[in-house]
Structure formats: C-alpha cells, structure tokens
Amino acid sequence: MNNLNQVFEKNGEGIKNFKIRKIQKFKGRPFYVIQLFEKELNGKCISKIIKYLNYYIKNNSKTKMPVLLYFSSKDIHINDKLTYVILECLCYYIISEYNVELHIMWKPQINIITAGLNSSLLLLLNSPEKENVEKFKCKFRNDGFGSHFRRLVENSNEKLCAAFQDVDTFFKMFNSCDIVKDDIVEVVAELVGNALEHGGSDCLIDIDVADNYCAQIDGIEQDVYSVNIVVINFSDKLIGDELRNKVYKQKCDCSENRYEKLRKAYKYHKDNFWNDKYHKEDFFNLAVFQDCISGVDKGKTGGKGLTVLIESLQRRSFDNHCYMLSGKRTVNFYKECLVYDDDNWLGFNEECNFFTCPPDNRVIDCCDTFFPGTAYNLDFILTKGD
C-alpha cells in the first residue's frame, strides 16, 4: 500500500527513555514486548503505538526476535472501525517493510459497529504462530470472509470498475441490505473516487455487515443490523490542500461564480469565526464537499453526491456514526447539518447557511494522530424490514 511510511514519518520520533521489555518465553517463544496500558483504542492510543514502533524501527528492527503488542487491560474499547483498520495498516507496514514478525495480544470489546473484528485480519496476529503473520501479509490487499469485504484498489479506472462490481456482488449476499444496497454501493464509489482524485494513490476499502443484533427503539425491542464502511487513502496531500491552493492563487476556470462566492465565504469566516477550534484547514475540508467545487484540474467541478447519499442513508438509519479524517482534522457528518440551500450550498449547520454562519460545533473535531491522506468511517445501524 502506497505512502504508509508517511504515517510514521509524520507522527514524531520514538518515545524517549522507552525500553522494550524482552521476555524469554511466550507460549514457548521469546518476544520483544511493547506493553500498552490503555483501556481504549482511539487516536491517542494509535499515536502512542506509532511512537513505540518508531522507536523499535530505529533501535531494534535489525534483530530477528518477534514483537508482541501487549494490551494489558481486559476488554479494550475500540473507538470505531476506522481505528482498528488503521492499526491493521500499521502492522502491515512493519511486517512487510521491515520483515518483522509482529503479533498482538488483546481482548477487544465487540459491538455492532466493531463486529468486523470477528473477521479482521488482526485475528491472525492474535496468536504466536509465525505462519499466521504471513497469512496476514497475503490477505491484507484482498480478503473476503463471510460478512467481511476488503480490496486494495489501484489508481486506475479499470481497477476501480472491478472493485465496484465486487462491492455490488458482496451486498447481494445480504437480504437485509436490499433496500439500501444501491445507495451504499454508490456511497463507496463516491468515497473511493474522491480519495483517489484527491490523493492520487491506491485506496483501501474495508466493509462489514453486522447482523443478529437487537436495540430498543421507541420502547420496543427490534432486530437491527449495521453496515460499517472504511475507505483509506494514504497520501502526501490532505483533502483540502489543492482547493486551498486554487483559491489562494485565484486560478479557477470552472464555475467561476461559485469560486468567487467561495472566496467571499472564506474571507467572512476568517474575519468572524476563526479560533483555536475552527480555522482555514477546516474551512477547505468543508468546501471540498460543496456542489461544483473542486481542487483538481479544471475539467472537474466537484459534486454533492456523497453528502446527499450519506444524508439519505442517515435518515433511514436508527443510528449512525460518519466522519472524514485528513491530517489531524475531522469532519463529522450529521444529517441535520447536511441540508443544501436553494443555490446548492451545504451549510454544515442547522441554519443551512454556509456564508454567514459557522459550522455546527459538532461538525469539526481534531485527532491525536496525524493522518497523511484521507480516511472515511461510515457506520449505519438500520432496522430490518425498513
């Protein structure tokens, strides 16, 4: 997978004074142990793991002793699907780039949005057998097991079309998804298309369908299922970089009137709303989702398809958790903030006003880990029969 090295390069040096503990036996084999005391796998924990692995790469990678990531707490809470898929990517890079035998010892909590862990490649690393590490490496690019789908898509139209056909075939296996299948496949197409367009490198799709769950809805227990989607593109470009450069340089040849309005909105936001929680990077992260706005070449004018599809799926969901991550900034998608005005501008607020109102306080957030590129996490929890 391209550009994975940037995750380690962009997230600082190894932790000072950190000592990897060497033990002689773990199920009969010696390991270097990286012990983690966190009770939750989130951005902060991922950042610490990266620093530990950076330290290992610098000081111990030439040794042939296997490495064990050991989570000492029981029942680790997993923040969401994207978090553990990023952990998979970190493990893949260390294993493939440095020929390190890496294992994980942990007991993660499983719920409807992290049920994909039951078929995650991390299961292969959660054992001391060396051959499972090789299986992990082989399956990382392409895997399908039961309710799990994974593809690493190269940046070409041919590979892209083949991947979409595979996604469509995957969802045909689930009768519960019939009503929303077309929208979900289209969302994945938009996600991957956007990631490839902005990042210019390959893209990882990881999807699972979690069935056989129940939830209390309006006081009545109902059968529910979830569709959990992650799309990751590692790149030296963040999602808003090209649009920011385009607006700064005032080289906009397409839909010129909309770009002029965007410049005015930028100036108004800069003069009235900039603070430590909302700044120019966030503005352009929001702007890339606007209709007929794009940071790429003049032949492309952006589009509102993705947010329309997400909002449509959110309206049909009992619950959802959807966001985009680029750099250290996130954009959270809430259906009440995904409403367009009469001129097809997305407000990202309940006022439906992109120009003279700031985004809703819930929309913009930060992450402890710098993510080089663009990643999406979409979890839709739906009731059966709807």
Protein backbone atom coordinates (compact mmCIF):
# COMPACT_ATOMS: atom_id res chain seq x y z
CA MET A 1 0.00 0.00 0.00
CA ASN A 2 1.47 3.32 -1.10
CA ASN A 3 2.64 6.05 1.30
CA LEU A 4 2.15 4.08 4.51
CA ASN A 5 5.62 5.21 5.57
CA GLN A 6 4.26 8.74 5.97
CA VAL A 7 2.18 7.70 8.97
CA PHE A 8 5.40 7.00 10.85
CA GLU A 9 7.29 9.98 9.42
CA LYS A 10 4.52 12.50 10.23
CA ASN A 11 3.88 11.40 13.80
CA GLY A 12 7.12 12.17 15.57
CA GLU A 13 10.09 10.31 16.91
CA GLY A 14 10.01 7.32 19.17
CA ILE A 15 9.20 7.83 22.84
CA LYS A 16 12.31 8.85 24.79
CA ASN A 17 13.56 6.58 27.56
CA PHE A 18 11.22 3.86 26.37
CA LYS A 19 12.53 0.36 26.89
CA ILE A 20 11.10 -2.58 25.04
CA ARG A 21 10.85 -5.41 27.51
CA LYS A 22 12.43 -8.66 26.40
CA ILE A 23 10.96 -11.84 27.74
CA GLN A 24 12.33 -15.28 27.08
CA LYS A 25 9.12 -17.16 26.71
CA PHE A 26 5.63 -16.50 25.47
CA LYS A 27 3.95 -19.78 24.65
CA GLY A 28 7.40 -21.26 24.27
CA ARG A 29 8.94 -18.47 22.17
CA PRO A 30 10.99 -15.32 23.03
CA PHE A 31 9.44 -11.94 22.16
CA TYR A 32 10.13 -8.24 22.42
CA VAL A 33 7.09 -6.91 24.24
CA ILE A 34 5.57 -3.45 23.76
CA GLN A 35 3.15 -3.14 26.66
CA LEU A 36 0.13 -0.85 26.36
CA PHE A 37 -1.96 0.11 29.39
CA GLU A 38 -4.69 1.98 27.50
CA LYS A 39 -8.27 0.84 28.00
CA GLU A 40 -9.42 2.28 24.69
CA LEU A 41 -8.07 2.02 21.16
CA ASN A 42 -8.51 5.58 19.88
CA GLY A 43 -6.45 8.26 18.15
CA LYS A 44 -4.34 8.86 21.24
CA CYS A 45 -3.54 5.17 21.61
CA ILE A 46 -2.74 4.85 17.90
CA SER A 47 -0.35 7.80 18.22
CA LYS A 48 1.45 6.05 21.09
CA ILE A 49 1.69 2.79 19.13
CA ILE A 50 3.25 4.66 16.20
CA LYS A 51 5.86 6.21 18.52
CA TYR A 52 6.66 2.86 20.10
CA LEU A 53 7.05 1.25 16.67
CA ASN A 54 9.18 4.18 15.50
CA TYR A 55 11.46 3.54 18.46
CA TYR A 56 11.60 -0.14 17.61
CA ILE A 57 12.42 0.56 13.95
CA LYS A 58 15.27 2.86 14.93
CA ASN A 59 16.78 0.71 17.67
CA ASN A 60 15.79 -2.92 17.24
CA SER A 61 14.47 -3.66 13.75
CA LYS A 62 17.65 -5.47 12.67
CA THR A 63 17.11 -8.12 15.29
CA LYS A 64 15.12 -11.18 14.30
CA MET A 65 13.19 -11.54 17.52
CA PRO A 66 9.40 -11.24 17.04
CA VAL A 67 7.47 -8.32 18.51
CA LEU A 68 4.36 -8.50 20.67
CA LEU A 69 1.95 -5.59 21.12
CA TYR A 70 0.53 -6.46 24.51
CA PHE A 71 -2.63 -4.71 25.75
CA SER A 72 -2.61 -5.37 29.48
CA SER A 73 -6.19 -4.16 30.09
CA LYS A 74 -9.04 -6.56 29.53
CA ASP A 75 -11.98 -5.77 27.26
CA ILE A 76 -10.36 -2.95 25.28
CA HIS A 77 -12.93 -0.48 23.98
CA ILE A 78 -12.50 0.11 20.23
CA ASN A 79 -13.39 3.62 19.16
CA ASP A 80 -14.74 2.64 15.73
CA LYS A 81 -13.98 0.59 12.64
CA LEU A 82 -11.52 3.10 11.17
CA THR A 83 -9.37 2.95 14.31
CA TYR A 84 -8.73 -0.78 14.13
CA VAL A 85 -8.28 -0.71 10.34
CA ILE A 86 -5.55 1.91 10.84
CA LEU A 87 -3.96 -0.47 13.36
CA GLU A 88 -4.06 -3.18 10.68
CA CYS A 89 -2.27 -0.79 8.31
CA LEU A 90 0.44 -0.04 10.89
CA CYS A 91 1.03 -3.74 11.45
CA TYR A 92 1.14 -4.40 7.71
CA TYR A 93 3.79 -1.73 7.17
CA ILE A 94 6.06 -3.03 9.95
CA ILE A 95 5.66 -6.63 8.79
CA SER A 96 6.11 -6.02 5.06
CA GLU A 97 8.64 -3.17 5.07
CA TYR A 98 10.96 -4.41 7.84
CA ASN A 99 10.25 -8.14 7.69
CA VAL A 100 9.29 -8.07 11.37
CA GLU A 101 7.23 -10.85 12.87
CA LEU A 102 4.58 -8.87 14.73
CA HIS A 103 1.83 -10.20 16.99
CA ILE A 104 -0.93 -8.66 19.11
CA MET A 105 -2.23 -9.88 22.43
CA TRP A 106 -5.51 -8.25 23.39
CA LYS A 107 -9.17 -8.80 24.11
CA PRO A 108 -11.24 -6.14 22.31
CA GLN A 109 -14.89 -5.44 23.07
CA ILE A 110 -17.23 -6.36 20.23
CA ASN A 111 -20.37 -4.37 19.46
CA ILE A 112 -22.48 -3.67 16.40
CA ILE A 113 -20.06 -1.12 14.90
CA THR A 114 -16.91 -3.10 15.70
CA ALA A 115 -18.32 -6.53 14.86
CA GLY A 116 -15.93 -6.57 11.92
CA LEU A 117 -13.21 -7.52 14.40
CA ASN A 118 -14.67 -11.03 14.29
CA SER A 119 -13.35 -11.30 10.74
CA SER A 120 -10.50 -8.79 10.98
CA LEU A 121 -7.02 -9.73 9.84
CA LEU A 122 -5.88 -8.82 13.36
CA LEU A 123 -7.20 -12.23 14.41
CA LEU A 124 -4.27 -13.75 12.57
CA LEU A 125 -1.85 -11.71 14.66
CA ASN A 126 -3.60 -12.56 17.92
CA SER A 127 -1.67 -15.83 18.13
CA PRO A 128 2.04 -16.69 18.41
CA GLU A 129 2.24 -18.73 15.18
CA LYS A 130 4.67 -17.29 12.63
CA GLU A 131 2.73 -18.65 9.65
CA ASN A 132 -0.27 -16.52 10.62
CA VAL A 133 1.84 -13.39 10.14
CA GLU A 134 2.50 -14.48 6.56
CA LYS A 135 -1.23 -15.08 6.05
CA PHE A 136 -1.93 -11.58 7.38
CA LYS A 137 0.53 -10.13 4.89
CA CYS A 138 -1.01 -12.03 1.97
CA LYS A 139 -4.63 -11.23 2.84
CA PHE A 140 -4.11 -7.53 3.54
CA ARG A 141 -4.70 -6.45 -0.05
CA ASN A 142 -7.64 -8.70 -0.82
CA ASP A 143 -9.83 -10.56 1.61
CA GLY A 144 -13.37 -11.80 1.90
CA PHE A 145 -14.74 -13.88 4.72
CA GLY A 146 -18.46 -14.23 5.48
CA SER A 147 -19.75 -10.73 6.15
CA HIS A 148 -16.38 -9.06 5.51
CA PHE A 149 -15.11 -7.45 2.29
CA ARG A 150 -11.70 -5.89 1.62
CA ARG A 151 -9.97 -4.62 -1.51
CA LEU A 152 -6.89 -2.52 -2.15
CA VAL A 153 -7.80 -0.54 -5.26
CA GLU A 154 -5.09 0.79 -7.53
CA ASN A 155 -5.50 4.24 -9.03
CA SER A 156 -6.84 3.21 -12.43
CA ASN A 157 -10.32 3.22 -13.98
CA GLU A 158 -10.12 -0.48 -14.77
CA LYS A 159 -9.30 -1.48 -11.18
CA LEU A 160 -11.91 0.96 -9.89
CA CYS A 161 -14.72 -0.53 -12.00
CA ALA A 162 -13.75 -4.07 -11.00
CA ALA A 163 -13.79 -3.12 -7.31
CA PHE A 164 -17.28 -1.59 -7.58
CA GLN A 165 -18.59 -4.74 -9.22
CA ASP A 166 -17.11 -6.76 -6.36
CA VAL A 167 -18.76 -4.47 -3.78
CA ASP A 168 -22.12 -4.85 -5.56
CA THR A 169 -21.74 -8.64 -5.61
CA PHE A 170 -20.82 -8.66 -1.91
CA PHE A 171 -24.01 -6.84 -0.85
CA LYS A 172 -26.21 -9.17 -2.90
CA MET A 173 -25.49 -11.83 -0.26
CA PHE A 174 -27.45 -9.88 2.38
CA ASN A 175 -31.23 -9.77 2.00
CA SER A 176 -31.47 -7.24 4.84
CA CYS A 177 -29.48 -4.76 2.74
CA ASP A 178 -31.72 -4.92 -0.34
CA ILE A 179 -33.45 -1.58 0.26
CA VAL A 180 -30.25 0.38 0.90
CA LYS A 181 -27.82 -1.64 -1.23
CA ASP A 182 -27.78 0.68 -4.24
CA ASP A 183 -27.16 3.77 -2.11
CA ILE A 184 -24.41 2.03 -0.15
CA VAL A 185 -22.62 0.87 -3.30
CA GLU A 186 -22.88 4.40 -4.69
CA VAL A 187 -21.50 5.84 -1.44
CA VAL A 188 -18.49 3.51 -1.67
CA ALA A 189 -18.00 4.56 -5.29
CA GLU A 190 -18.06 8.24 -4.30
CA LEU A 191 -15.73 7.66 -1.36
CA VAL A 192 -13.14 5.80 -3.39
CA GLY A 193 -13.45 8.19 -6.32
CA ASN A 194 -12.93 11.19 -4.03
CA ALA A 195 -9.98 9.58 -2.25
CA LEU A 196 -8.23 8.63 -5.49
CA GLU A 197 -8.96 12.03 -7.01
CA HIS A 198 -7.54 14.00 -4.09
CA GLY A 199 -4.78 11.61 -3.02
CA GLY A 200 -3.51 10.22 -6.31
CA SER A 201 -2.54 6.84 -4.82
CA ASP A 202 -4.15 3.47 -4.11
CA CYS A 203 -7.11 3.13 -1.78
CA LEU A 204 -8.22 0.51 0.76
CA ILE A 205 -11.90 -0.46 1.06
CA ASP A 206 -13.00 -2.41 4.14
CA ILE A 207 -16.68 -3.26 4.74
CA ASP A 208 -18.54 -5.50 7.13
CA VAL A 209 -22.21 -6.20 7.75
CA ALA A 210 -23.13 -6.92 11.38
CA ASP A 211 -26.34 -8.92 11.76
CA ASN A 212 -28.29 -10.54 14.62
CA TYR A 213 -28.38 -7.53 16.95
CA CYS A 214 -31.30 -6.01 18.85
CA ALA A 215 -31.98 -2.46 20.03
CA GLN A 216 -34.67 -0.63 21.97
CA ILE A 217 -36.42 1.75 19.57
CA ASP A 218 -39.31 3.80 20.98
CA GLY A 219 -39.59 1.31 23.83
CA ILE A 220 -39.84 -1.70 21.52
CA GLU A 221 -37.07 -4.23 21.01
CA GLN A 222 -36.33 -4.55 17.31
CA ASP A 223 -33.91 -6.50 15.15
CA VAL A 224 -31.19 -4.28 13.74
CA TYR A 225 -28.08 -4.65 11.61
CA SER A 226 -25.23 -2.36 10.68
CA VAL A 227 -23.23 -1.60 7.57
CA ASN A 228 -19.74 -0.45 8.55
CA ILE A 229 -17.56 1.12 5.87
CA VAL A 230 -13.97 2.36 5.90
CA VAL A 231 -12.13 3.87 2.94
CA ILE A 232 -8.46 4.84 3.41
CA ASN A 233 -6.06 6.62 1.09
CA PHE A 234 -2.54 7.42 2.32
CA SER A 235 -1.05 10.42 0.53
CA ASP A 236 1.17 13.46 0.93
CA LYS A 237 -1.92 15.52 0.07
CA LEU A 238 -4.65 16.36 2.55
CA ILE A 239 -8.19 16.60 1.24
CA GLY A 240 -8.38 20.40 1.22
CA ASP A 241 -4.83 21.19 0.07
CA GLU A 242 -5.43 21.57 -3.66
CA LEU A 243 -8.61 23.59 -3.25
CA ARG A 244 -6.87 25.92 -0.81
CA ASN A 245 -4.03 26.47 -3.28
CA LYS A 246 -6.52 27.01 -6.08
CA VAL A 247 -8.42 29.67 -4.16
CA TYR A 248 -5.25 31.37 -2.89
CA LYS A 249 -3.79 31.60 -6.39
CA GLN A 250 -7.18 32.62 -7.84
CA LYS A 251 -6.80 30.19 -10.73
CA CYS A 252 -10.37 28.98 -11.10
CA ASP A 253 -11.52 28.34 -14.66
CA CYS A 254 -14.69 26.36 -13.97
CA SER A 255 -17.96 27.50 -12.38
CA GLU A 256 -16.20 30.81 -11.75
CA ASN A 257 -19.13 32.43 -9.99
CA ARG A 258 -19.18 29.71 -7.32
CA TYR A 259 -15.45 30.06 -6.69
CA GLU A 260 -15.87 33.79 -6.26
CA LYS A 261 -18.61 33.11 -3.71
CA LEU A 262 -16.30 30.63 -2.02
CA ARG A 263 -13.59 33.28 -1.72
CA LYS A 264 -16.06 35.67 -0.13
CA ALA A 265 -17.18 32.96 2.30
CA TYR A 266 -13.54 32.27 3.18
CA LYS A 267 -12.89 35.94 3.96
CA TYR A 268 -16.06 36.19 6.07
CA HIS A 269 -15.21 33.05 8.05
CA LYS A 270 -11.63 34.21 8.51
CA ASP A 271 -12.72 37.63 9.80
CA ASN A 272 -15.53 36.40 12.04
CA PHE A 273 -15.17 32.74 13.03
CA TRP A 274 -11.50 31.71 13.16
CA ASN A 275 -10.49 30.36 16.59
CA ASP A 276 -8.47 27.52 18.09
CA LYS A 277 -11.18 25.01 17.15
CA TYR A 278 -12.05 26.23 13.65
CA HIS A 279 -9.55 27.56 11.11
CA LYS A 280 -8.65 27.62 7.43
CA GLU A 281 -7.86 23.90 7.16
CA ASP A 282 -11.35 23.11 8.41
CA PHE A 283 -12.93 25.62 6.02
CA PHE A 284 -11.40 23.94 2.98
CA ASN A 285 -12.20 20.47 4.32
CA LEU A 286 -15.85 21.56 4.27
CA ALA A 287 -15.55 23.37 0.96
CA VAL A 288 -14.47 20.26 -0.97
CA PHE A 289 -17.94 18.80 -0.37
CA GLN A 290 -19.69 21.77 -1.98
CA ASP A 291 -21.52 21.38 -5.29
CA CYS A 292 -19.39 22.32 -8.34
CA ILE A 293 -16.30 22.97 -6.24
CA SER A 294 -13.06 21.02 -6.69
CA GLY A 295 -9.37 21.48 -6.08
CA VAL A 296 -8.29 19.29 -9.00
CA ASP A 297 -7.93 20.11 -12.70
CA LYS A 298 -10.31 22.45 -14.47
CA GLY A 299 -12.16 19.60 -16.13
CA LYS A 300 -13.71 18.59 -12.81
CA THR A 301 -16.14 20.70 -10.88
CA GLY A 302 -16.77 18.74 -7.72
CA GLY A 303 -20.15 17.43 -6.73
CA LYS A 304 -22.62 16.99 -3.93
CA GLY A 305 -23.29 13.29 -4.50
CA LEU A 306 -21.50 11.93 -1.44
CA THR A 307 -23.17 14.09 1.19
CA VAL A 308 -26.60 13.61 -0.41
CA LEU A 309 -26.15 9.84 -0.27
CA ILE A 310 -24.86 9.90 3.30
CA GLU A 311 -27.78 12.06 4.44
CA SER A 312 -30.22 9.73 2.68
CA LEU A 313 -28.79 6.70 4.48
CA GLN A 314 -28.72 8.58 7.79
CA ARG A 315 -32.45 9.36 7.50
CA ARG A 316 -33.16 5.64 7.14
CA SER A 317 -30.85 4.66 9.99
CA PHE A 318 -31.74 4.09 13.62
CA ASP A 319 -28.28 5.41 14.48
CA ASN A 320 -25.09 6.28 12.62
CA HIS A 321 -21.51 7.43 13.08
CA CYS A 322 -19.99 9.06 9.99
CA TYR A 323 -16.90 11.22 9.59
CA MET A 324 -13.92 12.08 7.40
CA LEU A 325 -10.34 12.32 8.69
CA SER A 326 -7.50 14.19 6.98
CA GLY A 327 -4.35 15.35 8.74
CA LYS A 328 -5.37 15.98 12.34
CA ARG A 329 -8.81 17.33 11.42
CA THR A 330 -12.13 15.55 11.15
CA VAL A 331 -15.46 16.47 9.56
CA ASN A 332 -18.41 14.78 11.27
CA PHE A 333 -21.49 14.20 9.15
CA TYR A 334 -24.83 14.87 10.89
CA LYS A 335 -27.99 14.62 8.81
CA GLU A 336 -29.45 17.85 10.23
CA CYS A 337 -26.31 19.67 9.04
CA LEU A 338 -26.29 18.11 5.56
CA VAL A 339 -29.01 20.31 4.07
CA TYR A 340 -28.48 22.41 0.94
CA ASP A 341 -29.83 25.90 0.38
CA ASP A 342 -31.62 26.95 -2.81
CA ASP A 343 -28.30 27.52 -4.57
CA ASN A 344 -26.92 24.09 -3.61
CA TRP A 345 -24.54 25.28 -0.90
CA LEU A 346 -24.15 22.94 2.05
CA GLY A 347 -24.29 24.80 5.35
CA PHE A 348 -22.79 22.20 7.71
CA ASN A 349 -25.05 23.82 10.29
CA GLU A 350 -28.73 23.76 11.17
CA GLU A 351 -29.15 27.28 9.78
CA CYS A 352 -28.34 25.88 6.31
CA ASN A 353 -26.08 28.89 5.81
CA PHE A 354 -22.52 28.35 4.62
CA PHE A 355 -21.72 32.02 4.09
CA THR A 356 -22.53 33.94 7.27
CA CYS A 357 -22.84 31.18 9.89
CA PRO A 358 -20.06 28.98 11.28
CA PRO A 359 -20.25 25.20 11.05
CA ASP A 360 -22.08 23.45 13.87
CA ASN A 361 -19.84 22.85 16.90
CA ARG A 362 -20.20 19.09 16.43
CA VAL A 363 -19.02 19.09 12.82
CA ILE A 364 -15.35 20.00 13.32
CA ASP A 365 -13.05 17.97 15.54
CA CYS A 366 -9.37 17.12 15.94
CA CYS A 367 -7.45 13.86 16.19
CA ASP A 368 -4.38 12.95 18.24
CA THR A 369 -2.80 11.16 15.28
CA PHE A 370 -1.77 12.94 12.08
CA PHE A 371 -3.31 11.05 9.17
CA PRO A 372 -1.46 11.65 5.87
CA GLY A 373 -4.19 11.47 3.25
CA THR A 374 -7.93 10.95 3.62
CA ALA A 375 -9.98 8.36 5.50
CA TYR A 376 -13.72 7.85 5.89
CA ASN A 377 -15.60 5.97 8.61
CA LEU A 378 -19.31 5.35 7.97
CA ASP A 379 -21.43 3.24 10.33
CA PHE A 380 -25.15 2.89 9.60
CA ILE A 381 -27.36 0.99 12.06
CA LEU A 382 -30.66 0.07 10.40
CA THR A 383 -33.79 -1.77 11.44
CA LYS A 384 -34.65 -4.88 9.49
CA GLY A 385 -37.50 -4.51 7.06
CA ASP A 386 -37.07 -0.74 6.63
